[in-house]
Amino acid sequence: MKHDLRAYWRTNIYYMAVLLCVWAAVSYLCGIVFVRELNAVMLGGFPLGFWFAQQGSIFGFLVIILVYFLLMRRLDRKYGIDE
């Protein structure tokens, strides 16, 4: 059983690390680094770079939370620790 728990937590930490990297990349790259290029596109009357800086990273974070929930539900079922 101890081996299974280590594999479970190793996978859980891997999921968190990957998803946090995605969140940081979306927030930093789209909101700061590529803002000039993104501003060439308009979304709802606002430049896309502005939209990413103000709301896009929040929506991205919500999507990441949903992905984490789905991944963890599958992982819990795999190791038999779901409700």
PDB file of N, CA and C in Angstrom:
ATOM      1  N   MET A   1       0.822  -1.194   0.000  1.00  0.00           N
ATOM      2  CA  MET A   1       0.000   0.000   0.000  1.00  0.00           C
ATOM      3  C   MET A   1       0.864   1.254   0.000  1.00  0.00           C
ATOM      4  N   LYS A   2       1.993   1.233   0.685  1.00  0.00           N
ATOM      5  CA  LYS A   2       2.859   2.407   0.743  1.00  0.00           C
ATOM      6  C   LYS A   2       3.371   2.792  -0.647  1.00  0.00           C
ATOM      7  N   HIS A   3       3.672   1.797  -1.462  1.00  0.00           N
ATOM      8  CA  HIS A   3       4.130   2.058  -2.826  1.00  0.00           C
ATOM      9  C   HIS A   3       3.037   2.760  -3.634  1.00  0.00           C
ATOM     10  N   ASP A   4       1.785   2.335  -3.457  1.00  0.00           N
ATOM     11  CA  ASP A   4       0.676   2.955  -4.177  1.00  0.00           C
ATOM     12  C   ASP A   4       0.491   4.411  -3.767  1.00  0.00           C
ATOM     13  N   LEU A   5       0.632   4.707  -2.473  1.00  0.00           N
ATOM     14  CA  LEU A   5       0.483   6.082  -2.014  1.00  0.00           C
ATOM     15  C   LEU A   5       1.591   6.973  -2.554  1.00  0.00           C
ATOM     16  N   ARG A   6       2.789   6.452  -2.635  1.00  0.00           N
ATOM     17  CA  ARG A   6       3.888   7.247  -3.211  1.00  0.00           C
ATOM     18  C   ARG A   6       3.622   7.554  -4.677  1.00  0.00           C
ATOM     19  N   ALA A   7       3.154   6.583  -5.408  1.00  0.00           N
ATOM     20  CA  ALA A   7       2.841   6.801  -6.823  1.00  0.00           C
ATOM     21  C   ALA A   7       1.692   7.793  -6.969  1.00  0.00           C
ATOM     22  N   TYR A   8       0.706   7.691  -6.082  1.00  0.00           N
ATOM     23  CA  TYR A   8      -0.425   8.619  -6.096  1.00  0.00           C
ATOM     24  C   TYR A   8       0.053  10.050  -5.894  1.00  0.00           C
ATOM     25  N   TRP A   9       0.865  10.278  -4.851  1.00  0.00           N
ATOM     26  CA  TRP A   9       1.332  11.634  -4.563  1.00  0.00           C
ATOM     27  C   TRP A   9       2.320  12.136  -5.602  1.00  0.00           C
ATOM     28  N   ARG A  10       3.110  11.255  -6.149  1.00  0.00           N
ATOM     29  CA  ARG A  10       4.038  11.656  -7.213  1.00  0.00           C
ATOM     30  C   ARG A  10       3.246  12.158  -8.420  1.00  0.00           C
ATOM     31  N   THR A  11       2.178  11.462  -8.771  1.00  0.00           N
ATOM     32  CA  THR A  11       1.335  11.882  -9.886  1.00  0.00           C
ATOM     33  C   THR A  11       0.616  13.180  -9.553  1.00  0.00           C
ATOM     34  N   ASN A  12       0.121  13.305  -8.325  1.00  0.00           N
ATOM     35  CA  ASN A  12      -0.563  14.519  -7.902  1.00  0.00           C
ATOM     36  C   ASN A  12       0.363  15.735  -7.986  1.00  0.00           C
ATOM     37  N   ILE A  13       1.572  15.604  -7.505  1.00  0.00           N
ATOM     38  CA  ILE A  13       2.529  16.716  -7.553  1.00  0.00           C
ATOM     39  C   ILE A  13       2.912  17.033  -8.996  1.00  0.00           C
ATOM     40  N   TYR A  14       3.027  16.018  -9.826  1.00  0.00           N
ATOM     41  CA  TYR A  14       3.305  16.246 -11.244  1.00  0.00           C
ATOM     42  C   TYR A  14       2.189  17.060 -11.885  1.00  0.00           C
ATOM     43  N   TYR A  15       0.936  16.680 -11.619  1.00  0.00           N
ATOM     44  CA  TYR A  15      -0.202  17.435 -12.155  1.00  0.00           C
ATOM     45  C   TYR A  15      -0.147  18.890 -11.704  1.00  0.00           C
ATOM     46  N   MET A  16       0.110  19.096 -10.413  1.00  0.00           N
ATOM     47  CA  MET A  16       0.151  20.471  -9.896  1.00  0.00           C
ATOM     48  C   MET A  16       1.274  21.274 -10.537  1.00  0.00           C
ATOM     49  N   ALA A  17       2.447  20.682 -10.682  1.00  0.00           N
ATOM     50  CA  ALA A  17       3.580  21.401 -11.265  1.00  0.00           C
ATOM     51  C   ALA A  17       3.301  21.791 -12.716  1.00  0.00           C
ATOM     52  N   VAL A  18       2.765  20.861 -13.485  1.00  0.00           N
ATOM     53  CA  VAL A  18       2.472  21.153 -14.895  1.00  0.00           C
ATOM     54  C   VAL A  18       1.408  22.239 -15.009  1.00  0.00           C
ATOM     55  N   LEU A  19       0.343  22.119 -14.238  1.00  0.00           N
ATOM     56  CA  LEU A  19      -0.736  23.097 -14.326  1.00  0.00           C
ATOM     57  C   LEU A  19      -0.312  24.471 -13.820  1.00  0.00           C
ATOM     58  N   LEU A  20       0.529  24.532 -12.798  1.00  0.00           N
ATOM     59  CA  LEU A  20       1.044  25.824 -12.343  1.00  0.00           C
ATOM     60  C   LEU A  20       1.961  26.457 -13.382  1.00  0.00           C
ATOM     61  N   CYS A  21       2.726  25.648 -14.079  1.00  0.00           N
ATOM     62  CA  CYS A  21       3.563  26.174 -15.163  1.00  0.00           C
ATOM     63  C   CYS A  21       2.709  26.722 -16.302  1.00  0.00           C
ATOM     64  N   VAL A  22       1.638  26.030 -16.615  1.00  0.00           N
ATOM     65  CA  VAL A  22       0.717  26.528 -17.655  1.00  0.00           C
ATOM     66  C   VAL A  22       0.108  27.846 -17.215  1.00  0.00           C
ATOM     67  N   TRP A  23      -0.333  27.924 -15.964  1.00  0.00           N
ATOM     68  CA  TRP A  23      -0.928  29.149 -15.445  1.00  0.00           C
ATOM     69  C   TRP A  23       0.072  30.307 -15.480  1.00  0.00           C
ATOM     70  N   ALA A  24       1.311  30.060 -15.055  1.00  0.00           N
ATOM     71  CA  ALA A  24       2.334  31.097 -15.061  1.00  0.00           C
ATOM     72  C   ALA A  24       2.646  31.536 -16.487  1.00  0.00           C
ATOM     73  N   ALA A  25       2.714  30.588 -17.404  1.00  0.00           N
ATOM     74  CA  ALA A  25       3.003  30.929 -18.802  1.00  0.00           C
ATOM     75  C   ALA A  25       1.890  31.771 -19.403  1.00  0.00           C
ATOM     76  N   VAL A  26       0.650  31.368 -19.171  1.00  0.00           N
ATOM     77  CA  VAL A  26      -0.474  32.141 -19.721  1.00  0.00           C
ATOM     78  C   VAL A  26      -0.506  33.534 -19.111  1.00  0.00           C
ATOM     79  N   SER A  27      -0.361  33.624 -17.802  1.00  0.00           N
ATOM     80  CA  SER A  27      -0.418  34.918 -17.127  1.00  0.00           C
ATOM     81  C   SER A  27       0.736  35.818 -17.547  1.00  0.00           C
ATOM     82  N   TYR A  28       1.930  35.275 -17.544  1.00  0.00           N
ATOM     83  CA  TYR A  28       3.111  36.085 -17.831  1.00  0.00           C
ATOM     84  C   TYR A  28       3.271  36.359 -19.324  1.00  0.00           C
ATOM     85  N   LEU A  29       3.214  35.315 -20.127  1.00  0.00           N
ATOM     86  CA  LEU A  29       3.466  35.498 -21.555  1.00  0.00           C
ATOM     87  C   LEU A  29       2.355  36.287 -22.243  1.00  0.00           C
ATOM     88  N   CYS A  30       1.108  35.907 -22.017  1.00  0.00           N
ATOM     89  CA  CYS A  30       0.006  36.583 -22.708  1.00  0.00           C
ATOM     90  C   CYS A  30      -0.302  37.940 -22.103  1.00  0.00           C
ATOM     91  N   GLY A  31      -0.098  38.101 -20.802  1.00  0.00           N
ATOM     92  CA  GLY A  31      -0.421  39.366 -20.156  1.00  0.00           C
ATOM     93  C   GLY A  31       0.687  40.382 -20.163  1.00  0.00           C
ATOM     94  N   ILE A  32       1.939  39.945 -20.383  1.00  0.00           N
ATOM     95  CA  ILE A  32       3.064  40.884 -20.299  1.00  0.00           C
ATOM     96  C   ILE A  32       3.951  40.818 -21.541  1.00  0.00           C
ATOM     97  N   VAL A  33       4.478  39.652 -21.851  1.00  0.00           N
ATOM     98  CA  VAL A  33       5.503  39.537 -22.891  1.00  0.00           C
ATOM     99  C   VAL A  33       4.939  39.776 -24.291  1.00  0.00           C
ATOM    100  N   PHE A  34       3.832  39.121 -24.620  1.00  0.00           N
ATOM    101  CA  PHE A  34       3.274  39.225 -25.975  1.00  0.00           C
ATOM    102  C   PHE A  34       2.115  40.207 -26.071  1.00  0.00           C
ATOM    103  N   VAL A  35       2.049  41.149 -25.140  1.00  0.00           N
ATOM    104  CA  VAL A  35       0.908  42.055 -25.106  1.00  0.00           C
ATOM    105  C   VAL A  35       0.825  42.922 -26.365  1.00  0.00           C
ATOM    106  N   ARG A  36       1.940  43.364 -26.902  1.00  0.00           N
ATOM    107  CA  ARG A  36       1.909  44.200 -28.114  1.00  0.00           C
ATOM    108  C   ARG A  36       1.370  43.423 -29.310  1.00  0.00           C
ATOM    109  N   GLU A  37       1.823  42.190 -29.459  1.00  0.00           N
ATOM    110  CA  GLU A  37       1.345  41.371 -30.566  1.00  0.00           C
ATOM    111  C   GLU A  37      -0.145  41.036 -30.400  1.00  0.00           C
ATOM    112  N   LEU A  38      -0.549  40.754 -29.174  1.00  0.00           N
ATOM    113  CA  LEU A  38      -1.950  40.418 -28.925  1.00  0.00           C
ATOM    114  C   LEU A  38      -2.866  41.635 -29.067  1.00  0.00           C
ATOM    115  N   ASN A  39      -2.334  42.821 -28.827  1.00  0.00           N
ATOM    116  CA  ASN A  39      -3.149  44.030 -28.942  1.00  0.00           C
ATOM    117  C   ASN A  39      -3.571  44.313 -30.378  1.00  0.00           C
ATOM    118  N   ALA A  40      -2.955  43.660 -31.343  1.00  0.00           N
ATOM    119  CA  ALA A  40      -3.359  43.839 -32.744  1.00  0.00           C
ATOM    120  C   ALA A  40      -4.725  43.201 -33.003  1.00  0.00           C
ATOM    121  N   VAL A  41      -5.150  42.311 -32.121  1.00  0.00           N
ATOM    122  CA  VAL A  41      -6.444  41.637 -32.257  1.00  0.00           C
ATOM    123  C   VAL A  41      -7.407  42.263 -31.258  1.00  0.00           C
ATOM    124  N   MET A  42      -8.627  42.519 -31.696  1.00  0.00           N
ATOM    125  CA  MET A  42      -9.642  43.105 -30.819  1.00  0.00           C
ATOM    126  C   MET A  42     -10.616  42.012 -30.367  1.00  0.00           C
ATOM    127  N   LEU A  43     -11.017  42.056 -29.108  1.00  0.00           N
ATOM    128  CA  LEU A  43     -11.982  41.115 -28.550  1.00  0.00           C
ATOM    129  C   LEU A  43     -13.016  41.927 -27.769  1.00  0.00           C
ATOM    130  N   GLY A  44     -14.218  41.981 -28.290  1.00  0.00           N
ATOM    131  CA  GLY A  44     -15.278  42.736 -27.634  1.00  0.00           C
ATOM    132  C   GLY A  44     -14.986  44.219 -27.545  1.00  0.00           C
ATOM    133  N   GLY A  45     -14.263  44.751 -28.508  1.00  0.00           N
ATOM    134  CA  GLY A  45     -13.939  46.167 -28.508  1.00  0.00           C
ATOM    135  C   GLY A  45     -12.685  46.523 -27.728  1.00  0.00           C
ATOM    136  N   PHE A  46     -12.034  45.543 -27.151  1.00  0.00           N
ATOM    137  CA  PHE A  46     -10.817  45.780 -26.375  1.00  0.00           C
ATOM    138  C   PHE A  46      -9.659  45.020 -27.000  1.00  0.00           C
ATOM    139  N   PRO A  47      -8.446  45.550 -26.901  1.00  0.00           N
ATOM    140  CA  PRO A  47      -7.277  44.809 -27.404  1.00  0.00           C
ATOM    141  C   PRO A  47      -7.115  43.480 -26.656  1.00  0.00           C
ATOM    142  N   LEU A  48      -6.754  42.441 -27.367  1.00  0.00           N
ATOM    143  CA  LEU A  48      -6.639  41.104 -26.780  1.00  0.00           C
ATOM    144  C   LEU A  48      -5.596  41.059 -25.667  1.00  0.00           C
ATOM    145  N   GLY A  49      -4.505  41.785 -25.804  1.00  0.00           N
ATOM    146  CA  GLY A  49      -3.487  41.818 -24.751  1.00  0.00           C
ATOM    147  C   GLY A  49      -4.033  42.382 -23.459  1.00  0.00           C
ATOM    148  N   PHE A  50      -4.824  43.451 -23.561  1.00  0.00           N
ATOM    149  CA  PHE A  50      -5.470  44.031 -22.380  1.00  0.00           C
ATOM    150  C   PHE A  50      -6.434  43.027 -21.760  1.00  0.00           C
ATOM    151  N   TRP A  51      -7.195  42.340 -22.610  1.00  0.00           N
ATOM    152  CA  TRP A  51      -8.159  41.358 -22.126  1.00  0.00           C
ATOM    153  C   TRP A  51      -7.458  40.245 -21.363  1.00  0.00           C
ATOM    154  N   PHE A  52      -6.329  39.739 -21.905  1.00  0.00           N
ATOM    155  CA  PHE A  52      -5.591  38.680 -21.209  1.00  0.00           C
ATOM    156  C   PHE A  52      -5.058  39.177 -19.875  1.00  0.00           C
ATOM    157  N   ALA A  53      -4.566  40.408 -19.847  1.00  0.00           N
ATOM    158  CA  ALA A  53      -4.016  40.937 -18.606  1.00  0.00           C
ATOM    159  C   ALA A  53      -5.102  41.129 -17.555  1.00  0.00           C
ATOM    160  N   GLN A  54      -6.313  41.509 -17.971  1.00  0.00           N
ATOM    161  CA  GLN A  54      -7.368  41.801 -17.013  1.00  0.00           C
ATOM    162  C   GLN A  54      -8.222  40.582 -16.669  1.00  0.00           C
ATOM    163  N   GLN A  55      -8.644  39.812 -17.678  1.00  0.00           N
ATOM    164  CA  GLN A  55      -9.582  38.740 -17.416  1.00  0.00           C
ATOM    165  C   GLN A  55      -9.132  37.379 -17.944  1.00  0.00           C
ATOM    166  N   GLY A  56      -8.323  37.367 -18.952  1.00  0.00           N
ATOM    167  CA  GLY A  56      -7.929  36.103 -19.565  1.00  0.00           C
ATOM    168  C   GLY A  56      -7.197  35.178 -18.626  1.00  0.00           C
ATOM    169  N   SER A  57      -6.312  35.737 -17.799  1.00  0.00           N
ATOM    170  CA  SER A  57      -5.579  34.884 -16.870  1.00  0.00           C
ATOM    171  C   SER A  57      -6.514  34.319 -15.798  1.00  0.00           C
ATOM    172  N   ILE A  58      -7.550  35.073 -15.444  1.00  0.00           N
ATOM    173  CA  ILE A  58      -8.522  34.566 -14.470  1.00  0.00           C
ATOM    174  C   ILE A  58      -9.314  33.416 -15.077  1.00  0.00           C
ATOM    175  N   PHE A  59      -9.788  33.595 -16.323  1.00  0.00           N
ATOM    176  CA  PHE A  59     -10.507  32.512 -16.989  1.00  0.00           C
ATOM    177  C   PHE A  59      -9.600  31.305 -17.198  1.00  0.00           C
ATOM    178  N   GLY A  60      -8.349  31.565 -17.539  1.00  0.00           N
ATOM    179  CA  GLY A  60      -7.388  30.471 -17.684  1.00  0.00           C
ATOM    180  C   GLY A  60      -7.212  29.716 -16.377  1.00  0.00           C
ATOM    181  N   PHE A  61      -7.156  30.446 -15.272  1.00  0.00           N
ATOM    182  CA  PHE A  61      -7.010  29.811 -13.965  1.00  0.00           C
ATOM    183  C   PHE A  61      -8.233  28.971 -13.637  1.00  0.00           C
ATOM    184  N   LEU A  62      -9.429  29.439 -13.978  1.00  0.00           N
ATOM    185  CA  LEU A  62     -10.637  28.650 -13.745  1.00  0.00           C
ATOM    186  C   LEU A  62     -10.640  27.365 -14.571  1.00  0.00           C
ATOM    187  N   VAL A  63     -10.159  27.451 -15.796  1.00  0.00           N
ATOM    188  CA  VAL A  63     -10.059  26.254 -16.632  1.00  0.00           C
ATOM    189  C   VAL A  63      -9.047  25.278 -16.031  1.00  0.00           C
ATOM    190  N   ILE A  64      -7.948  25.798 -15.513  1.00  0.00           N
ATOM    191  CA  ILE A  64      -6.937  24.950 -14.889  1.00  0.00           C
ATOM    192  C   ILE A  64      -7.503  24.254 -13.654  1.00  0.00           C
ATOM    193  N   ILE A  65      -8.327  24.955 -12.875  1.00  0.00           N
ATOM    194  CA  ILE A  65      -8.969  24.325 -11.722  1.00  0.00           C
ATOM    195  C   ILE A  65      -9.872  23.186 -12.176  1.00  0.00           C
ATOM    196  N   LEU A  66     -10.627  23.402 -13.239  1.00  0.00           N
ATOM    197  CA  LEU A  66     -11.489  22.346 -13.769  1.00  0.00           C
ATOM    198  C   LEU A  66     -10.666  21.147 -14.248  1.00  0.00           C
ATOM    199  N   VAL A  67      -9.580  21.415 -14.959  1.00  0.00           N
ATOM    200  CA  VAL A  67      -8.712  20.325 -15.439  1.00  0.00           C
ATOM    201  C   VAL A  67      -8.126  19.559 -14.253  1.00  0.00           C
ATOM    202  N   TYR A  68      -7.681  20.273 -13.221  1.00  0.00           N
ATOM    203  CA  TYR A  68      -7.131  19.608 -12.036  1.00  0.00           C
ATOM    204  C   TYR A  68      -8.187  18.735 -11.366  1.00  0.00           C
ATOM    205  N   PHE A  69      -9.404  19.244 -11.255  1.00  0.00           N
ATOM    206  CA  PHE A  69     -10.494  18.457 -10.674  1.00  0.00           C
ATOM    207  C   PHE A  69     -10.713  17.168 -11.459  1.00  0.00           C
ATOM    208  N   LEU A  70     -10.765  17.264 -12.779  1.00  0.00           N
ATOM    209  CA  LEU A  70     -11.007  16.077 -13.598  1.00  0.00           C
ATOM    210  C   LEU A  70      -9.846  15.082 -13.512  1.00  0.00           C
ATOM    211  N   LEU A  71      -8.623  15.603 -13.527  1.00  0.00           N
ATOM    212  CA  LEU A  71      -7.461  14.721 -13.407  1.00  0.00           C
ATOM    213  C   LEU A  71      -7.433  14.009 -12.055  1.00  0.00           C
ATOM    214  N   MET A  72      -7.726  14.755 -10.990  1.00  0.00           N
ATOM    215  CA  MET A  72      -7.678  14.161  -9.663  1.00  0.00           C
ATOM    216  C   MET A  72      -8.825  13.169  -9.441  1.00  0.00           C
ATOM    217  N   ARG A  73      -9.976  13.430 -10.031  1.00  0.00           N
ATOM    218  CA  ARG A  73     -11.082  12.478  -9.923  1.00  0.00           C
ATOM    219  C   ARG A  73     -10.688  11.152 -10.572  1.00  0.00           C
ATOM    220  N   ARG A  74     -10.054  11.249 -11.735  1.00  0.00           N
ATOM    221  CA  ARG A  74      -9.597  10.035 -12.420  1.00  0.00           C
ATOM    222  C   ARG A  74      -8.504   9.326 -11.616  1.00  0.00           C
ATOM    223  N   LEU A  75      -7.574  10.110 -11.046  1.00  0.00           N
ATOM    224  CA  LEU A  75      -6.495   9.523 -10.250  1.00  0.00           C
ATOM    225  C   LEU A  75      -7.044   8.862  -8.981  1.00  0.00           C
ATOM    226  N   ASP A  76      -7.993   9.508  -8.321  1.00  0.00           N
ATOM    227  CA  ASP A  76      -8.598   8.914  -7.124  1.00  0.00           C
ATOM    228  C   ASP A  76      -9.279   7.596  -7.454  1.00  0.00           C
ATOM    229  N   ARG A  77      -9.968   7.554  -8.554  1.00  0.00           N
ATOM    230  CA  ARG A  77     -10.634   6.305  -8.960  1.00  0.00           C
ATOM    231  C   ARG A  77      -9.611   5.214  -9.283  1.00  0.00           C
ATOM    232  N   LYS A  78      -8.522   5.619  -9.909  1.00  0.00           N
ATOM    233  CA  LYS A  78      -7.492   4.644 -10.265  1.00  0.00           C
ATOM    234  C   LYS A  78      -6.909   3.969  -9.016  1.00  0.00           C
ATOM    235  N   TYR A  79      -6.705   4.758  -7.947  1.00  0.00           N
ATOM    236  CA  TYR A  79      -6.113   4.215  -6.721  1.00  0.00           C
ATOM    237  C   TYR A  79      -7.161   3.794  -5.690  1.00  0.00           C
ATOM    238  N   GLY A  80      -8.427   3.869  -6.060  1.00  0.00           N
ATOM    239  CA  GLY A  80      -9.484   3.392  -5.185  1.00  0.00           C
ATOM    240  C   GLY A  80      -9.721   4.225  -3.945  1.00  0.00           C
ATOM    241  N   ILE A  81      -9.464   5.507  -4.007  1.00  0.00           N
ATOM    242  CA  ILE A  81      -9.680   6.364  -2.830  1.00  0.00           C
ATOM    243  C   ILE A  81     -10.752   7.412  -3.088  1.00  0.00           C
ATOM    244  N   ASP A  82     -11.582   7.172  -4.108  1.00  0.00           N
ATOM    245  CA  ASP A  82     -12.673   8.093  -4.373  1.00  0.00           C
ATOM    246  C   ASP A  82     -13.816   7.799  -3.397  1.00  0.00           C
ATOM    247  N   GLU A  83     -14.750   8.734  -3.322  1.00  0.00           N
ATOM    248  CA  GLU A  83     -15.850   8.576  -2.368  1.00  0.00           C
ATOM    249  C   GLU A  83     -16.832   7.569  -2.817  1.00  0.00           C
TER     250      GLU A  83
END
